[in-house]
Amino acid sequence: MLENVITIVHVVLSIILIAVVLLQSGKSAGLSGSIGGGAETFFGKNKAKTLDGMLEKATAVLALFFIVTSVVLAIVIK
C-alpha cells in the first residue's frame, strides 16, 4: 500500500517538475542575454518576485521532493 502511494506521488511530482522546467525562459532570452547578462544583475534586484524567479524556486523545491521520493521508493522496494 505504501509503495503504491509513494509511486503515485513520485509520478505526479515528475510530471509537475517537467511542466515547471518547460515553462521557464532560457538564460539567453531577451536583451540581458544579448549583452552578456550585465543588465540582469543590475536591474534584476527583484527577480525573486517575477515569474521566472518563482519558477526557479518551484523547480528547486520540486526537485528536492522528487529526490526524496526516489530515495524513499528505493528503500521501500528493497
PDB file of N, CA and C in Angstrom:
ATOM      1  N   MET A   1       0.826  -1.196   0.000  1.00  0.00           N
ATOM      2  CA  MET A   1       0.000   0.000   0.000  1.00  0.00           C
ATOM      3  C   MET A   1       0.872   1.262   0.000  1.00  0.00           C
ATOM      4  N   LEU A   2       1.877   1.296   0.881  1.00  0.00           N
ATOM      5  CA  LEU A   2       2.775   2.451   0.969  1.00  0.00           C
ATOM      6  C   LEU A   2       3.552   2.637  -0.335  1.00  0.00           C
ATOM      7  N   GLU A   3       3.947   1.532  -0.923  1.00  0.00           N
ATOM      8  CA  GLU A   3       4.694   1.600  -2.183  1.00  0.00           C
ATOM      9  C   GLU A   3       3.844   2.222  -3.292  1.00  0.00           C
ATOM     10  N   ASN A   4       2.570   1.887  -3.351  1.00  0.00           N
ATOM     11  CA  ASN A   4       1.686   2.447  -4.377  1.00  0.00           C
ATOM     12  C   ASN A   4       1.477   3.940  -4.186  1.00  0.00           C
ATOM     13  N   VAL A   5       1.308   4.369  -2.948  1.00  0.00           N
ATOM     14  CA  VAL A   5       1.103   5.793  -2.665  1.00  0.00           C
ATOM     15  C   VAL A   5       2.349   6.592  -3.041  1.00  0.00           C
ATOM     16  N   ILE A   6       3.516   6.091  -2.660  1.00  0.00           N
ATOM     17  CA  ILE A   6       4.763   6.798  -2.975  1.00  0.00           C
ATOM     18  C   ILE A   6       4.998   6.823  -4.482  1.00  0.00           C
ATOM     19  N   THR A   7       4.657   5.744  -5.170  1.00  0.00           N
ATOM     20  CA  THR A   7       4.818   5.714  -6.627  1.00  0.00           C
ATOM     21  C   THR A   7       3.915   6.739  -7.306  1.00  0.00           C
ATOM     22  N   ILE A   8       2.680   6.851  -6.849  1.00  0.00           N
ATOM     23  CA  ILE A   8       1.759   7.834  -7.425  1.00  0.00           C
ATOM     24  C   ILE A   8       2.262   9.257  -7.181  1.00  0.00           C
ATOM     25  N   VAL A   9       2.717   9.532  -5.959  1.00  0.00           N
ATOM     26  CA  VAL A   9       3.260  10.859  -5.641  1.00  0.00           C
ATOM     27  C   VAL A   9       4.492  11.139  -6.493  1.00  0.00           C
ATOM     28  N   HIS A  10       5.323  10.131  -6.691  1.00  0.00           N
ATOM     29  CA  HIS A  10       6.551  10.274  -7.476  1.00  0.00           C
ATOM     30  C   HIS A  10       6.223  10.609  -8.937  1.00  0.00           C
ATOM     31  N   VAL A  11       5.247   9.935  -9.508  1.00  0.00           N
ATOM     32  CA  VAL A  11       4.866  10.187 -10.904  1.00  0.00           C
ATOM     33  C   VAL A  11       4.260  11.582 -11.046  1.00  0.00           C
ATOM     34  N   VAL A  12       3.398  11.970 -10.111  1.00  0.00           N
ATOM     35  CA  VAL A  12       2.798  13.304 -10.164  1.00  0.00           C
ATOM     36  C   VAL A  12       3.870  14.385 -10.025  1.00  0.00           C
ATOM     37  N   LEU A  13       4.828  14.189  -9.116  1.00  0.00           N
ATOM     38  CA  LEU A  13       5.929  15.149  -8.964  1.00  0.00           C
ATOM     39  C   LEU A  13       6.753  15.254 -10.236  1.00  0.00           C
ATOM     40  N   SER A  14       7.000  14.135 -10.888  1.00  0.00           N
ATOM     41  CA  SER A  14       7.808  14.179 -12.106  1.00  0.00           C
ATOM     42  C   SER A  14       7.092  14.937 -13.217  1.00  0.00           C
ATOM     43  N   ILE A  15       5.785  14.751 -13.342  1.00  0.00           N
ATOM     44  CA  ILE A  15       5.030  15.474 -14.371  1.00  0.00           C
ATOM     45  C   ILE A  15       5.014  16.975 -14.089  1.00  0.00           C
ATOM     46  N   ILE A  16       4.800  17.343 -12.830  1.00  0.00           N
ATOM     47  CA  ILE A  16       4.788  18.764 -12.459  1.00  0.00           C
ATOM     48  C   ILE A  16       6.171  19.374 -12.650  1.00  0.00           C
ATOM     49  N   LEU A  17       7.227  18.631 -12.295  1.00  0.00           N
ATOM     50  CA  LEU A  17       8.595  19.129 -12.460  1.00  0.00           C
ATOM     51  C   LEU A  17       8.916  19.365 -13.927  1.00  0.00           C
ATOM     52  N   ILE A  18       8.503  18.463 -14.795  1.00  0.00           N
ATOM     53  CA  ILE A  18       8.717  18.649 -16.235  1.00  0.00           C
ATOM     54  C   ILE A  18       7.995  19.898 -16.726  1.00  0.00           C
ATOM     55  N   ALA A  19       6.758  20.090 -16.284  1.00  0.00           N
ATOM     56  CA  ALA A  19       5.981  21.254 -16.715  1.00  0.00           C
ATOM     57  C   ALA A  19       6.614  22.558 -16.241  1.00  0.00           C
ATOM     58  N   VAL A  20       7.088  22.590 -14.997  1.00  0.00           N
ATOM     59  CA  VAL A  20       7.696  23.815 -14.464  1.00  0.00           C
ATOM     60  C   VAL A  20       8.991  24.138 -15.190  1.00  0.00           C
ATOM     61  N   VAL A  21       9.782  23.127 -15.509  1.00  0.00           N
ATOM     62  CA  VAL A  21      11.032  23.372 -16.234  1.00  0.00           C
ATOM     63  C   VAL A  21      10.740  23.877 -17.645  1.00  0.00           C
ATOM     64  N   LEU A  22       9.720  23.317 -18.290  1.00  0.00           N
ATOM     65  CA  LEU A  22       9.396  23.769 -19.640  1.00  0.00           C
ATOM     66  C   LEU A  22       8.810  25.169 -19.674  1.00  0.00           C
ATOM     67  N   LEU A  23       8.209  25.638 -18.584  1.00  0.00           N
ATOM     68  CA  LEU A  23       7.643  26.980 -18.537  1.00  0.00           C
ATOM     69  C   LEU A  23       8.700  28.067 -18.369  1.00  0.00           C
ATOM     70  N   GLN A  24       9.899  27.701 -17.938  1.00  0.00           N
ATOM     71  CA  GLN A  24      10.942  28.700 -17.708  1.00  0.00           C
ATOM     72  C   GLN A  24      11.501  29.206 -19.025  1.00  0.00           C
ATOM     73  N   SER A  25      11.887  30.469 -19.017  1.00  0.00           N
ATOM     74  CA  SER A  25      12.525  31.030 -20.207  1.00  0.00           C
ATOM     75  C   SER A  25      14.007  30.690 -20.181  1.00  0.00           C
ATOM     76  N   GLY A  26      14.616  30.724 -21.346  1.00  0.00           N
ATOM     77  CA  GLY A  26      16.033  30.418 -21.442  1.00  0.00           C
ATOM     78  C   GLY A  26      16.880  31.507 -20.810  1.00  0.00           C
ATOM     79  N   LYS A  27      18.111  31.173 -20.473  1.00  0.00           N
ATOM     80  CA  LYS A  27      19.001  32.144 -19.840  1.00  0.00           C
ATOM     81  C   LYS A  27      19.436  33.235 -20.804  1.00  0.00           C
ATOM     82  N   SER A  28      19.440  32.959 -22.108  1.00  0.00           N
ATOM     83  CA  SER A  28      19.883  33.969 -23.069  1.00  0.00           C
ATOM     84  C   SER A  28      18.705  34.671 -23.725  1.00  0.00           C
ATOM     85  N   ALA A  29      17.534  34.580 -23.124  1.00  0.00           N
ATOM     86  CA  ALA A  29      16.358  35.225 -23.707  1.00  0.00           C
ATOM     87  C   ALA A  29      16.347  36.709 -23.372  1.00  0.00           C
ATOM     88  N   GLY A  30      15.876  37.497 -24.302  1.00  0.00           N
ATOM     89  CA  GLY A  30      15.710  38.920 -24.054  1.00  0.00           C
ATOM     90  C   GLY A  30      16.977  39.723 -24.225  1.00  0.00           C
ATOM     91  N   LEU A  31      16.898  40.981 -23.845  1.00  0.00           N
ATOM     92  CA  LEU A  31      18.000  41.920 -24.014  1.00  0.00           C
ATOM     93  C   LEU A  31      19.179  41.566 -23.119  1.00  0.00           C
ATOM     94  N   SER A  32      18.916  41.083 -21.932  1.00  0.00           N
ATOM     95  CA  SER A  32      20.013  40.814 -21.000  1.00  0.00           C
ATOM     96  C   SER A  32      20.915  39.706 -21.512  1.00  0.00           C
ATOM     97  N   GLY A  33      20.389  38.766 -22.272  1.00  0.00           N
ATOM     98  CA  GLY A  33      21.221  37.705 -22.818  1.00  0.00           C
ATOM     99  C   GLY A  33      22.114  38.202 -23.935  1.00  0.00           C
ATOM    100  N   SER A  34      21.662  39.206 -24.668  1.00  0.00           N
ATOM    101  CA  SER A  34      22.454  39.694 -25.793  1.00  0.00           C
ATOM    102  C   SER A  34      23.614  40.580 -25.341  1.00  0.00           C
ATOM    103  N   ILE A  35      23.542  41.152 -24.148  1.00  0.00           N
ATOM    104  CA  ILE A  35      24.645  41.996 -23.678  1.00  0.00           C
ATOM    105  C   ILE A  35      25.422  41.330 -22.552  1.00  0.00           C
ATOM    106  N   GLY A  36      25.321  40.024 -22.463  1.00  0.00           N
ATOM    107  CA  GLY A  36      26.144  39.302 -21.508  1.00  0.00           C
ATOM    108  C   GLY A  36      25.563  39.194 -20.122  1.00  0.00           C
ATOM    109  N   GLY A  37      24.345  39.606 -19.914  1.00  0.00           N
ATOM    110  CA  GLY A  37      23.727  39.449 -18.607  1.00  0.00           C
ATOM    111  C   GLY A  37      24.041  40.553 -17.627  1.00  0.00           C
ATOM    112  N   GLY A  38      24.745  41.587 -18.038  1.00  0.00           N
ATOM    113  CA  GLY A  38      25.080  42.671 -17.127  1.00  0.00           C
ATOM    114  C   GLY A  38      23.858  43.425 -16.642  1.00  0.00           C
ATOM    115  N   ALA A  39      22.912  43.642 -17.522  1.00  0.00           N
ATOM    116  CA  ALA A  39      21.689  44.344 -17.128  1.00  0.00           C
ATOM    117  C   ALA A  39      20.858  43.489 -16.180  1.00  0.00           C
ATOM    118  N   GLU A  40      20.933  42.179 -16.342  1.00  0.00           N
ATOM    119  CA  GLU A  40      20.168  41.279 -15.489  1.00  0.00           C
ATOM    120  C   GLU A  40      20.613  41.399 -14.032  1.00  0.00           C
ATOM    121  N   THR A  41      21.917  41.516 -13.817  1.00  0.00           N
ATOM    122  CA  THR A  41      22.395  41.615 -12.445  1.00  0.00           C
ATOM    123  C   THR A  41      22.156  43.012 -11.870  1.00  0.00           C
ATOM    124  N   PHE A  42      22.164  44.043 -12.721  1.00  0.00           N
ATOM    125  CA  PHE A  42      21.960  45.398 -12.222  1.00  0.00           C
ATOM    126  C   PHE A  42      20.488  45.701 -12.004  1.00  0.00           C
ATOM    127  N   PHE A  43      19.665  45.386 -12.996  1.00  0.00           N
ATOM    128  CA  PHE A  43      18.246  45.719 -12.918  1.00  0.00           C
ATOM    129  C   PHE A  43      17.410  44.608 -12.295  1.00  0.00           C
ATOM    130  N   GLY A  44      17.974  43.428 -12.132  1.00  0.00           N
ATOM    131  CA  GLY A  44      17.200  42.292 -11.660  1.00  0.00           C
ATOM    132  C   GLY A  44      17.237  42.087 -10.163  1.00  0.00           C
ATOM    133  N   LYS A  45      17.138  43.161  -9.389  1.00  0.00           N
ATOM    134  CA  LYS A  45      17.206  43.036  -7.935  1.00  0.00           C
ATOM    135  C   LYS A  45      15.981  42.333  -7.370  1.00  0.00           C
ATOM    136  N   ASN A  46      14.818  42.513  -7.982  1.00  0.00           N
ATOM    137  CA  ASN A  46      13.588  41.889  -7.509  1.00  0.00           C
ATOM    138  C   ASN A  46      13.221  40.686  -8.356  1.00  0.00           C
ATOM    139  N   LYS A  47      14.223  39.923  -8.779  1.00  0.00           N
ATOM    140  CA  LYS A  47      13.966  38.794  -9.660  1.00  0.00           C
ATOM    141  C   LYS A  47      13.142  37.719  -8.970  1.00  0.00           C
ATOM    142  N   ALA A  48      13.244  37.596  -7.669  1.00  0.00           N
ATOM    143  CA  ALA A  48      12.502  36.564  -6.953  1.00  0.00           C
ATOM    144  C   ALA A  48      10.996  36.805  -7.021  1.00  0.00           C
ATOM    145  N   LYS A  49      10.594  38.045  -7.282  1.00  0.00           N
ATOM    146  CA  LYS A  49       9.168  38.362  -7.353  1.00  0.00           C
ATOM    147  C   LYS A  49       8.601  38.180  -8.751  1.00  0.00           C
ATOM    148  N   THR A  50       9.446  37.945  -9.738  1.00  0.00           N
ATOM    149  CA  THR A  50       8.978  37.752 -11.101  1.00  0.00           C
ATOM    150  C   THR A  50       8.558  36.306 -11.305  1.00  0.00           C
ATOM    151  N   LEU A  51       7.955  36.045 -12.459  1.00  0.00           N
ATOM    152  CA  LEU A  51       7.519  34.690 -12.778  1.00  0.00           C
ATOM    153  C   LEU A  51       8.706  33.748 -12.894  1.00  0.00           C
ATOM    154  N   ASP A  52       9.788  34.219 -13.515  1.00  0.00           N
ATOM    155  CA  ASP A  52      10.974  33.368 -13.645  1.00  0.00           C
ATOM    156  C   ASP A  52      11.565  33.028 -12.282  1.00  0.00           C
ATOM    157  N   GLY A  53      11.571  33.983 -11.378  1.00  0.00           N
ATOM    158  CA  GLY A  53      12.093  33.722 -10.037  1.00  0.00           C
ATOM    159  C   GLY A  53      11.257  32.702  -9.285  1.00  0.00           C
ATOM    160  N   MET A  54       9.948  32.822  -9.411  1.00  0.00           N
ATOM    161  CA  MET A  54       9.069  31.857  -8.743  1.00  0.00           C
ATOM    162  C   MET A  54       9.205  30.466  -9.358  1.00  0.00           C
ATOM    163  N   LEU A  55       9.381  30.410 -10.680  1.00  0.00           N
ATOM    164  CA  LEU A  55       9.555  29.114 -11.331  1.00  0.00           C
ATOM    165  C   LEU A  55      10.874  28.461 -10.941  1.00  0.00           C
ATOM    166  N   GLU A  56      11.920  29.269 -10.751  1.00  0.00           N
ATOM    167  CA  GLU A  56      13.202  28.721 -10.304  1.00  0.00           C
ATOM    168  C   GLU A  56      13.089  28.142  -8.905  1.00  0.00           C
ATOM    169  N   LYS A  57      12.401  28.846  -8.008  1.00  0.00           N
ATOM    170  CA  LYS A  57      12.209  28.327  -6.652  1.00  0.00           C
ATOM    171  C   LYS A  57      11.363  27.064  -6.666  1.00  0.00           C
ATOM    172  N   ALA A  58      10.310  27.069  -7.486  1.00  0.00           N
ATOM    173  CA  ALA A  58       9.444  25.889  -7.581  1.00  0.00           C
ATOM    174  C   ALA A  58      10.225  24.699  -8.128  1.00  0.00           C
ATOM    175  N   THR A  59      11.117  24.937  -9.084  1.00  0.00           N
ATOM    176  CA  THR A  59      11.940  23.865  -9.630  1.00  0.00           C
ATOM    177  C   THR A  59      12.837  23.269  -8.563  1.00  0.00           C
ATOM    178  N   ALA A  60      13.441  24.121  -7.756  1.00  0.00           N
ATOM    179  CA  ALA A  60      14.327  23.624  -6.705  1.00  0.00           C
ATOM    180  C   ALA A  60      13.560  22.804  -5.673  1.00  0.00           C
ATOM    181  N   VAL A  61      12.395  23.285  -5.267  1.00  0.00           N
ATOM    182  CA  VAL A  61      11.605  22.573  -4.259  1.00  0.00           C
ATOM    183  C   VAL A  61      11.086  21.246  -4.817  1.00  0.00           C
ATOM    184  N   LEU A  62      10.563  21.279  -6.046  1.00  0.00           N
ATOM    185  CA  LEU A  62      10.061  20.052  -6.653  1.00  0.00           C
ATOM    186  C   LEU A  62      11.176  19.035  -6.882  1.00  0.00           C
ATOM    187  N   ALA A  63      12.346  19.502  -7.269  1.00  0.00           N
ATOM    188  CA  ALA A  63      13.473  18.594  -7.466  1.00  0.00           C
ATOM    189  C   ALA A  63      13.877  17.946  -6.146  1.00  0.00           C
ATOM    190  N   LEU A  64      13.852  18.706  -5.070  1.00  0.00           N
ATOM    191  CA  LEU A  64      14.166  18.147  -3.758  1.00  0.00           C
ATOM    192  C   LEU A  64      13.162  17.064  -3.362  1.00  0.00           C
ATOM    193  N   PHE A  65      11.860  17.354  -3.532  1.00  0.00           N
ATOM    194  CA  PHE A  65      10.832  16.359  -3.221  1.00  0.00           C
ATOM    195  C   PHE A  65      10.951  15.135  -4.128  1.00  0.00           C
ATOM    196  N   PHE A  66      11.318  15.348  -5.394  1.00  0.00           N
ATOM    197  CA  PHE A  66      11.487  14.239  -6.325  1.00  0.00           C
ATOM    198  C   PHE A  66      12.625  13.326  -5.878  1.00  0.00           C
ATOM    199  N   ILE A  67      13.726  13.921  -5.444  1.00  0.00           N
ATOM    200  CA  ILE A  67      14.863  13.123  -4.974  1.00  0.00           C
ATOM    201  C   ILE A  67      14.492  12.364  -3.703  1.00  0.00           C
ATOM    202  N   VAL A  68      13.781  13.023  -2.799  1.00  0.00           N
ATOM    203  CA  VAL A  68      13.370  12.362  -1.557  1.00  0.00           C
ATOM    204  C   VAL A  68      12.448  11.185  -1.859  1.00  0.00           C
ATOM    205  N   THR A  69      11.471  11.385  -2.743  1.00  0.00           N
ATOM    206  CA  THR A  69      10.575  10.271  -3.065  1.00  0.00           C
ATOM    207  C   THR A  69      11.308   9.155  -3.796  1.00  0.00           C
ATOM    208  N   SER A  70      12.321   9.494  -4.573  1.00  0.00           N
ATOM    209  CA  SER A  70      13.126   8.470  -5.246  1.00  0.00           C
ATOM    210  C   SER A  70      13.859   7.600  -4.231  1.00  0.00           C
ATOM    211  N   VAL A  71      14.465   8.251  -3.252  1.00  0.00           N
ATOM    212  CA  VAL A  71      15.212   7.509  -2.229  1.00  0.00           C
ATOM    213  C   VAL A  71      14.267   6.666  -1.374  1.00  0.00           C
ATOM    214  N   VAL A  72      13.149   7.248  -0.971  1.00  0.00           N
ATOM    215  CA  VAL A  72      12.179   6.500  -0.156  1.00  0.00           C
ATOM    216  C   VAL A  72      11.622   5.325  -0.932  1.00  0.00           C
ATOM    217  N   LEU A  73      11.333   5.526  -2.182  1.00  0.00           N
ATOM    218  CA  LEU A  73      10.824   4.439  -3.021  1.00  0.00           C
ATOM    219  C   LEU A  73      11.848   3.333  -3.186  1.00  0.00           C
ATOM    220  N   ALA A  74      13.111   3.702  -3.344  1.00  0.00           N
ATOM    221  CA  ALA A  74      14.165   2.696  -3.443  1.00  0.00           C
ATOM    222  C   ALA A  74      14.303   1.888  -2.157  1.00  0.00           C
ATOM    223  N   ILE A  75      14.154   2.565  -1.025  1.00  0.00           N
ATOM    224  CA  ILE A  75      14.252   1.870   0.264  1.00  0.00           C
ATOM    225  C   ILE A  75      13.060   0.946   0.484  1.00  0.00           C
ATOM    226  N   VAL A  76      11.858   1.424   0.127  1.00  0.00           N
ATOM    227  CA  VAL A  76      10.649   0.622   0.336  1.00  0.00           C
ATOM    228  C   VAL A  76      10.650  -0.613  -0.557  1.00  0.00           C
ATOM    229  N   ILE A  77      11.081  -0.476  -1.797  1.00  0.00           N
ATOM    230  CA  ILE A  77      11.093  -1.609  -2.708  1.00  0.00           C
ATOM    231  C   ILE A  77      12.163  -2.622  -2.293  1.00  0.00           C
ATOM    232  N   LYS A  78      13.271  -2.158  -1.790  1.00  0.00           N
ATOM    233  CA  LYS A  78      14.358  -3.053  -1.378  1.00  0.00           C
ATOM    234  C   LYS A  78      13.900  -3.864  -0.200  1.00  0.00           C
TER     235      LYS A  78
END
